[in-house]
Protein backbone atom coordinates (compact mmCIF):
# COMPACT_ATOMS: atom_id res chain seq x y z
CA MET A 1 -15.80 13.52 14.04
CA GLN A 2 -12.49 15.02 15.13
CA LYS A 3 -12.99 17.84 17.62
CA ALA A 4 -11.72 21.29 16.68
CA GLY A 5 -8.70 22.53 18.60
CA THR A 6 -7.63 19.09 19.83
CA LYS A 7 -4.59 17.11 18.72
CA ASN A 8 -4.51 13.54 17.50
CA ILE A 9 -2.68 11.74 20.32
CA ARG A 10 -1.02 9.34 17.90
CA HIS A 11 0.76 12.26 16.26
CA LEU A 12 2.78 12.78 19.45
CA LEU A 13 6.19 11.20 19.91
CA LEU A 14 6.81 9.24 23.11
CA THR A 15 8.99 12.11 24.41
CA GLU A 16 6.14 14.57 23.79
CA LEU A 17 3.71 12.33 25.67
CA GLU A 18 6.16 12.11 28.58
CA GLN A 19 6.38 15.90 28.64
CA TYR A 20 2.59 16.17 28.64
CA PHE A 21 2.19 13.83 31.63
CA GLU A 22 4.92 15.66 33.57
CA ASN A 23 3.16 18.96 32.84
CA ILE A 24 -0.11 17.72 34.36
CA GLY A 25 1.64 16.27 37.41
CA GLU A 26 1.40 12.61 36.41
CA LYS A 27 4.19 10.04 36.56
CA LYS A 28 6.35 9.78 33.44
CA PHE A 29 5.64 6.03 33.04
CA ARG A 30 2.03 6.86 32.15
CA ALA A 31 3.31 7.99 28.74
CA LYS A 32 4.74 4.53 28.09
CA GLN A 33 1.46 2.90 29.10
CA VAL A 34 -0.52 5.11 26.72
CA TYR A 35 2.03 4.63 23.91
CA GLU A 36 1.72 0.88 24.36
CA TRP A 37 -2.07 1.10 24.09
CA LEU A 38 -1.79 3.17 20.92
CA TRP A 39 0.77 1.11 19.01
CA GLN A 40 1.00 -2.39 20.48
CA LYS A 41 -2.42 -3.06 21.95
CA GLN A 42 -4.11 -1.09 19.16
CA ALA A 43 -6.59 0.79 21.34
CA MET A 44 -9.34 2.38 19.25
CA SER A 45 -10.55 4.69 22.05
CA PHE A 46 -9.37 6.07 25.39
CA ALA A 47 -11.97 3.88 27.11
CA ASP A 48 -9.93 0.84 26.00
CA MET A 49 -6.97 1.94 28.16
CA THR A 50 -8.08 -0.01 31.21
CA ASN A 51 -4.92 0.34 33.31
CA LEU A 52 -5.44 4.12 33.49
CA SER A 53 -7.86 5.67 35.98
CA LYS A 54 -11.26 6.73 34.70
CA ASP A 55 -10.42 10.38 35.47
CA LEU A 56 -7.19 10.20 33.48
CA ARG A 57 -8.94 8.58 30.52
CA GLN A 58 -11.55 11.32 30.64
CA LYS A 59 -8.85 14.00 30.73
CA LEU A 60 -7.09 12.47 27.73
CA GLY A 61 -10.43 12.45 25.88
CA GLU A 62 -10.84 16.18 26.58
CA GLU A 63 -7.29 17.08 25.53
CA PHE A 64 -6.76 14.76 22.56
CA THR A 65 -8.55 12.87 19.80
CA LEU A 66 -8.02 9.26 18.81
CA PRO A 67 -9.56 9.21 15.30
CA ALA A 68 -9.26 5.50 14.52
CA LEU A 69 -10.27 3.98 11.20
CA HIS A 70 -13.40 1.81 11.31
CA ILE A 71 -14.68 -0.92 8.99
CA ASP A 72 -17.73 0.38 7.12
CA ALA A 73 -18.41 -2.68 4.93
CA THR A 74 -16.84 -6.09 4.29
CA GLN A 75 -17.04 -8.44 1.32
CA TYR A 76 -15.89 -12.05 1.22
CA SER A 77 -14.63 -13.68 -1.97
CA SER A 78 -15.09 -17.36 -2.84
CA ASP A 79 -11.26 -17.66 -2.89
CA GLY A 80 -10.87 -16.44 0.73
CA THR A 81 -9.98 -12.83 -0.13
CA ILE A 82 -11.62 -10.24 2.15
CA LYS A 83 -12.19 -6.66 0.98
CA SER A 84 -12.94 -3.98 3.54
CA ARG A 85 -14.21 -0.48 3.08
CA PHE A 86 -12.88 1.71 5.87
CA LYS A 87 -14.37 4.98 7.05
CA THR A 88 -12.12 7.82 8.22
CA TRP A 89 -12.92 10.26 11.05
CA ASP A 90 -14.04 12.87 8.49
CA GLY A 91 -16.35 10.49 6.60
CA HIS A 92 -14.15 9.48 3.66
CA LEU A 93 -14.08 5.89 2.42
CA VAL A 94 -11.00 3.88 1.46
CA GLU A 95 -10.48 0.20 0.68
CA GLY A 96 -8.03 -2.49 1.76
CA VAL A 97 -7.78 -6.20 1.02
CA MET A 98 -6.65 -9.33 2.86
CA ILE A 99 -5.26 -11.88 0.39
CA PRO A 100 -4.64 -15.44 1.61
CA THR A 101 -2.54 -17.94 -0.34
CA ALA A 102 -0.99 -21.27 0.63
CA MET A 103 2.18 -19.59 1.93
CA ARG A 104 1.24 -15.97 2.63
CA TYR A 105 -1.36 -13.76 4.27
CA THR A 106 -1.00 -10.35 2.66
CA ALA A 107 -2.57 -6.98 3.46
CA CYS A 108 -3.02 -4.72 0.44
CA VAL A 109 -3.33 -1.21 1.87
CA SER A 110 -4.21 2.21 0.48
CA SER A 111 -2.19 5.39 0.91
CA GLN A 112 -4.59 8.03 -0.45
CA ILE A 113 -8.33 8.61 -0.66
CA GLY A 114 -8.76 8.45 -4.42
CA CYS A 115 -5.82 9.08 -6.74
CA SER A 116 -4.50 11.95 -8.87
CA LEU A 117 -2.69 9.87 -11.50
CA SER A 118 -5.63 8.86 -13.73
CA CYS A 119 -4.15 5.59 -15.03
CA LYS A 120 -6.59 4.55 -17.76
CA PHE A 121 -6.98 0.89 -16.69
CA CYS A 122 -7.42 1.40 -12.93
CA ALA A 123 -10.77 2.02 -11.22
CA THR A 124 -9.17 4.21 -8.53
CA GLY A 125 -7.72 6.39 -11.29
CA TYR A 126 -11.27 7.51 -12.12
CA ILE A 127 -11.83 8.83 -8.57
CA ASP A 128 -10.53 12.31 -7.68
CA ARG A 129 -7.95 12.42 -4.92
CA LYS A 130 -9.67 13.76 -1.79
CA ARG A 131 -6.65 13.75 0.55
CA ASN A 132 -3.66 11.78 1.74
CA LEU A 133 -4.15 9.21 4.48
CA ASP A 134 -2.34 10.00 7.72
CA PHE A 135 0.27 7.49 8.86
CA ASP A 136 -1.95 6.27 11.70
CA GLU A 137 -4.81 5.63 9.25
CA ILE A 138 -2.51 3.45 7.14
CA TYR A 139 -1.42 1.69 10.35
CA ASP A 140 -5.07 1.06 11.27
CA GLN A 141 -5.67 -0.67 7.94
CA VAL A 142 -2.90 -3.15 8.76
CA VAL A 143 -4.25 -3.69 12.30
CA LEU A 144 -7.82 -4.30 11.10
CA ILE A 145 -6.79 -6.54 8.19
CA ASN A 146 -4.54 -8.53 10.56
CA GLN A 147 -7.52 -9.06 12.86
CA GLN A 148 -9.50 -10.38 9.88
CA SER A 149 -6.66 -12.75 8.95
CA GLU A 150 -6.46 -14.09 12.50
CA LYS A 151 -10.22 -14.55 12.71
CA ALA A 152 -10.68 -16.16 9.27
CA HIS A 153 -7.47 -18.19 9.03
CA ASN A 154 -5.95 -18.20 12.51
CA LYS A 155 -2.83 -16.65 10.96
CA LYS A 156 -1.15 -13.27 11.40
CA LEU A 157 -0.31 -11.22 8.34
CA SER A 158 2.96 -12.28 6.74
CA ASN A 159 3.24 -9.50 4.16
CA ILE A 160 2.09 -5.96 3.42
CA VAL A 161 1.86 -4.38 -0.02
CA PHE A 162 1.16 -0.70 -0.63
CA MET A 163 -0.82 -1.47 -3.78
CA GLY A 164 -4.27 -0.21 -2.81
CA MET A 165 -5.81 3.17 -3.61
CA GLY A 166 -3.47 6.07 -4.30
CA GLU A 167 0.20 6.64 -5.15
CA PRO A 168 2.38 5.98 -2.06
CA LEU A 169 5.25 8.22 -3.18
CA LEU A 170 2.89 11.21 -3.43
CA ASN A 171 2.19 10.68 0.29
CA TYR A 172 5.83 10.06 1.08
CA LYS A 173 6.12 11.15 4.72
CA ASN A 174 2.98 9.38 5.92
CA VAL A 175 3.85 6.16 4.11
CA LEU A 176 7.36 6.08 5.60
CA ARG A 177 6.12 6.94 9.08
CA SER A 178 3.43 4.25 8.88
CA ILE A 179 6.12 1.71 7.94
CA GLU A 180 8.26 2.91 10.85
CA ARG A 181 5.34 2.18 13.24
CA ILE A 182 4.53 -1.15 11.53
CA THR A 183 8.14 -2.33 11.82
CA ALA A 184 9.05 -0.77 15.19
CA ILE A 185 9.61 -3.04 18.20
CA ASP A 186 7.11 -0.86 20.10
CA GLY A 187 4.70 -1.10 17.14
CA LEU A 188 3.69 -4.19 15.14
CA ALA A 189 7.32 -5.41 14.90
CA MET A 190 6.97 -6.68 11.32
CA SER A 191 10.08 -7.14 9.20
CA PRO A 192 10.54 -4.41 6.54
CA LYS A 193 11.62 -7.19 4.17
CA ARG A 194 7.97 -8.33 4.24
CA ILE A 195 6.77 -4.94 2.98
CA THR A 196 6.57 -3.82 -0.66
CA VAL A 197 5.79 -0.27 -1.74
CA SER A 198 4.45 -0.04 -5.29
CA THR A 199 4.76 3.14 -7.33
CA ALA A 200 3.31 4.13 -10.70
CA GLY A 201 6.67 5.78 -11.32
CA VAL A 202 7.57 8.89 -9.33
CA ALA A 203 11.27 9.13 -10.17
CA LYS A 204 12.06 11.79 -7.55
CA GLY A 205 10.37 9.70 -4.85
CA ILE A 206 12.25 6.55 -5.88
CA ARG A 207 15.56 8.42 -5.60
CA GLN A 208 14.50 9.77 -2.21
CA LEU A 209 13.79 6.23 -0.98
CA GLY A 210 17.36 5.37 -1.92
CA ASP A 211 18.76 8.42 -0.13
CA ASP A 212 16.68 7.53 2.94
CA LYS A 213 18.16 4.00 2.87
CA VAL A 214 14.79 2.33 3.33
CA LYS A 215 14.70 -1.37 4.17
CA PHE A 216 11.54 -2.42 2.31
CA LYS A 217 11.08 -3.72 -1.24
CA LEU A 218 10.04 -1.61 -4.22
CA ALA A 219 7.70 -2.45 -7.10
CA LEU A 220 7.32 -0.36 -10.25
CA SER A 221 3.96 -0.50 -12.01
CA LEU A 222 5.43 -0.50 -15.50
CA HIS A 223 2.68 -2.00 -17.74
CA ALA A 224 4.39 -0.85 -20.96
CA ALA A 225 8.07 -0.80 -21.85
CA THR A 226 8.12 2.15 -24.27
CA ASP A 227 7.33 5.80 -23.57
CA ALA A 228 4.76 5.94 -26.39
CA LYS A 229 2.66 3.09 -25.00
CA ARG A 230 3.17 3.97 -21.35
CA HIS A 231 2.08 7.55 -22.03
CA GLU A 232 -1.16 6.24 -23.54
CA ILE A 233 -2.23 4.38 -20.38
CA MET A 234 -0.33 6.23 -17.63
CA PRO A 235 -0.25 10.06 -17.88
CA ILE A 236 2.46 10.16 -15.17
CA ASN A 237 4.89 9.01 -17.88
CA ASP A 238 4.79 12.56 -19.33
CA SER A 239 6.80 13.87 -16.38
CA ASN A 240 8.49 10.59 -15.39
CA ASN A 241 9.65 8.90 -18.58
CA ILE A 242 11.21 5.46 -18.69
CA LYS A 243 14.81 6.74 -18.78
CA SER A 244 14.24 8.81 -15.62
CA LEU A 245 12.74 5.73 -13.93
CA VAL A 246 15.65 3.49 -14.96
CA ASP A 247 18.10 6.04 -13.52
CA ALA A 248 16.08 6.35 -10.30
CA LEU A 249 15.77 2.58 -9.84
CA ASN A 250 19.51 2.11 -10.33
CA HIS A 251 20.13 4.83 -7.74
CA PHE A 252 17.68 3.14 -5.34
CA TYR A 253 19.42 -0.21 -5.75
CA LYS A 254 22.90 1.28 -5.38
CA GLN A 255 21.87 2.95 -2.11
CA THR A 256 19.86 0.09 -0.59
CA GLY A 257 20.46 -3.23 -2.39
CA ASN A 258 16.74 -3.89 -1.87
CA GLU A 259 14.61 -6.06 -4.12
CA ILE A 260 12.99 -4.41 -7.16
CA THR A 261 10.02 -5.90 -9.01
CA PHE A 262 8.37 -4.82 -12.26
CA GLU A 263 4.57 -5.13 -12.39
CA TYR A 264 3.25 -5.65 -15.92
CA ILE A 265 -0.47 -6.02 -16.66
CA LEU A 266 -1.15 -7.64 -20.03
CA PHE A 267 -3.74 -5.88 -22.21
CA LYS A 268 -5.12 -7.60 -25.30
CA ASN A 269 -3.58 -6.31 -28.55
CA PHE A 270 -1.82 -3.48 -26.73
CA ASN A 271 1.26 -4.71 -24.84
CA ASP A 272 1.03 -8.50 -25.19
CA SER A 273 2.99 -9.21 -28.41
CA LEU A 274 6.48 -10.72 -28.60
CA LYS A 275 7.68 -7.31 -29.86
CA ASP A 276 6.38 -5.85 -26.58
CA ALA A 277 8.18 -8.66 -24.75
CA ASP A 278 11.43 -7.68 -26.52
CA GLU A 279 11.03 -4.08 -25.27
CA LEU A 280 10.44 -5.40 -21.76
CA ILE A 281 13.56 -7.61 -21.97
CA LYS A 282 15.66 -4.59 -23.01
CA LEU A 283 14.36 -2.61 -20.04
CA TYR A 284 14.80 -5.51 -17.60
CA ARG A 285 18.50 -5.67 -18.53
CA GLN A 286 18.99 -1.99 -17.62
CA VAL A 287 17.81 -2.40 -14.01
CA PRO A 288 18.80 -4.93 -11.30
CA ALA A 289 15.18 -6.15 -11.06
CA ASP A 290 14.58 -9.47 -9.31
CA LEU A 291 11.32 -10.30 -10.97
CA VAL A 292 8.68 -9.32 -13.50
CA ASN A 293 5.18 -9.98 -12.19
CA ILE A 294 2.90 -10.58 -15.16
CA ILE A 295 -0.59 -9.67 -13.97
CA GLU A 296 -3.97 -10.73 -15.32
CA TYR A 297 -6.04 -7.72 -16.35
CA ASN A 298 -9.27 -7.29 -14.44
CA PRO A 299 -11.76 -5.37 -16.61
CA ILE A 300 -13.49 -2.33 -15.13
CA ASP A 301 -16.62 -0.51 -16.29
CA PHE A 302 -14.91 2.69 -17.46
CA ALA A 303 -12.02 1.26 -19.48
CA LYS A 304 -11.83 -0.16 -23.01
CA TYR A 305 -9.06 -2.67 -22.27
CA GLN A 306 -9.51 -6.42 -22.37
CA LYS A 307 -7.70 -9.46 -21.06
CA PRO A 308 -5.67 -11.51 -23.60
CA ASP A 309 -6.36 -15.22 -24.04
CA GLU A 310 -4.39 -17.80 -22.08
CA GLU A 311 -2.27 -18.87 -25.06
CA THR A 312 -1.03 -15.29 -25.57
CA VAL A 313 -0.20 -14.96 -21.86
CA GLU A 314 1.66 -18.28 -21.81
CA ALA A 315 3.61 -17.42 -24.98
CA PHE A 316 4.58 -14.01 -23.55
CA ILE A 317 5.86 -15.51 -20.28
CA ALA A 318 7.64 -18.39 -22.07
CA TYR A 319 9.41 -15.90 -24.36
CA LEU A 320 10.59 -13.88 -21.36
CA GLY A 321 11.86 -17.05 -19.68
CA LYS A 322 13.73 -18.10 -22.84
CA ASN A 323 15.49 -14.73 -22.69
CA ARG A 324 16.53 -15.21 -19.05
CA VAL A 325 13.95 -12.88 -17.56
CA ASN A 326 12.65 -14.04 -14.18
CA ALA A 327 8.92 -13.72 -14.82
CA ARG A 328 5.86 -15.26 -13.20
CA LEU A 329 2.13 -14.97 -13.64
CA ARG A 330 0.41 -13.37 -10.67
CA LYS A 331 -3.10 -14.74 -10.51
CA SER A 332 -5.67 -12.18 -9.45
CA ARG A 333 -7.58 -12.78 -6.26
CA GLY A 334 -10.98 -11.48 -5.17
CA LYS A 335 -12.26 -10.69 -8.67
CA ASP A 336 -15.82 -11.63 -7.70
CA ILE A 337 -15.89 -8.81 -5.12
CA ASP A 338 -13.94 -6.20 -7.16
CA ALA A 339 -10.94 -6.66 -4.86
CA ALA A 340 -8.38 -7.59 -7.53
CA CYS A 341 -5.59 -5.45 -8.95
CA GLY A 342 -6.97 -2.19 -10.38
CA GLN A 343 -10.54 -2.72 -9.14
CA LEU A 344 -10.64 -0.71 -5.90
CA ALA A 345 -13.20 2.04 -6.36
CA ASN A 346 -15.42 2.21 -3.25
CA LYS A 347 -18.36 0.62 -5.06
CA ASP A 348 -21.29 -0.46 -2.93
């Protein structure tokens, strides 16, 4: 548990740490040592900081907390995917996934505990949002998943996707600060071009990303190309209709030039007809999107939706291709452990 009246040491800037050490009569360089332990050597406790004296480590433990995320449970899929359930300092559970493919080792991370958007096809949408994850908790997910990738495959993570539990743009500051630490030279030093933030469609947040000139990629979870159908499966469409999203995405691209992807899950007899494909083509031509990811639906207990047959999926993708839409089928990974798209729900 986090102690009352003490500050999380990772919430201090390097300059604030330097000030602290000066105030207690220690050399300024101690701050750099501690900062290195926190962000490059990924210390999970003050005891790990072995180049500090025992007395100093004890003092830090009295003054500050270091509430690191810990793995509570792990599941291994037959396809190499690893799903982890992480426990926070205050006892909440959140999930993250390591997805290996021939070319990539991807961490799928969560940004919130639960979700407030209630998308009808997503298991997380049926869990109430408990709280936002702090930026250091998001960072810990990447660190722990990277360790799993190195142990299982002898490979470091190549990519990070914010496609786990929660809506990243409703935890805007923490998501951006976590990416700053992940990409910083004195952090994990990953390229922002290897990071994709996925949103269910928060137009204001998308515009803000453009204004902030972010360097990472953006994915929009579209899943239906008309307001009527999108409203049926994604209540967020009530306040963020397709026109507002098109305007926001164009603003984002104008400000950043960064890659935009549409995510489109196919649901049987709902959004999988050639008429639906026509609506998607119209929308695709209004936005400088690089790609449409067609995603296999992974059924969940609470939802009525089903997966279309392979012929329907192939016809849909072929029709998009014929109309010069860059589309590809994204095969789901980790289905046997409920680690695939839309399945994260903290089940035992």
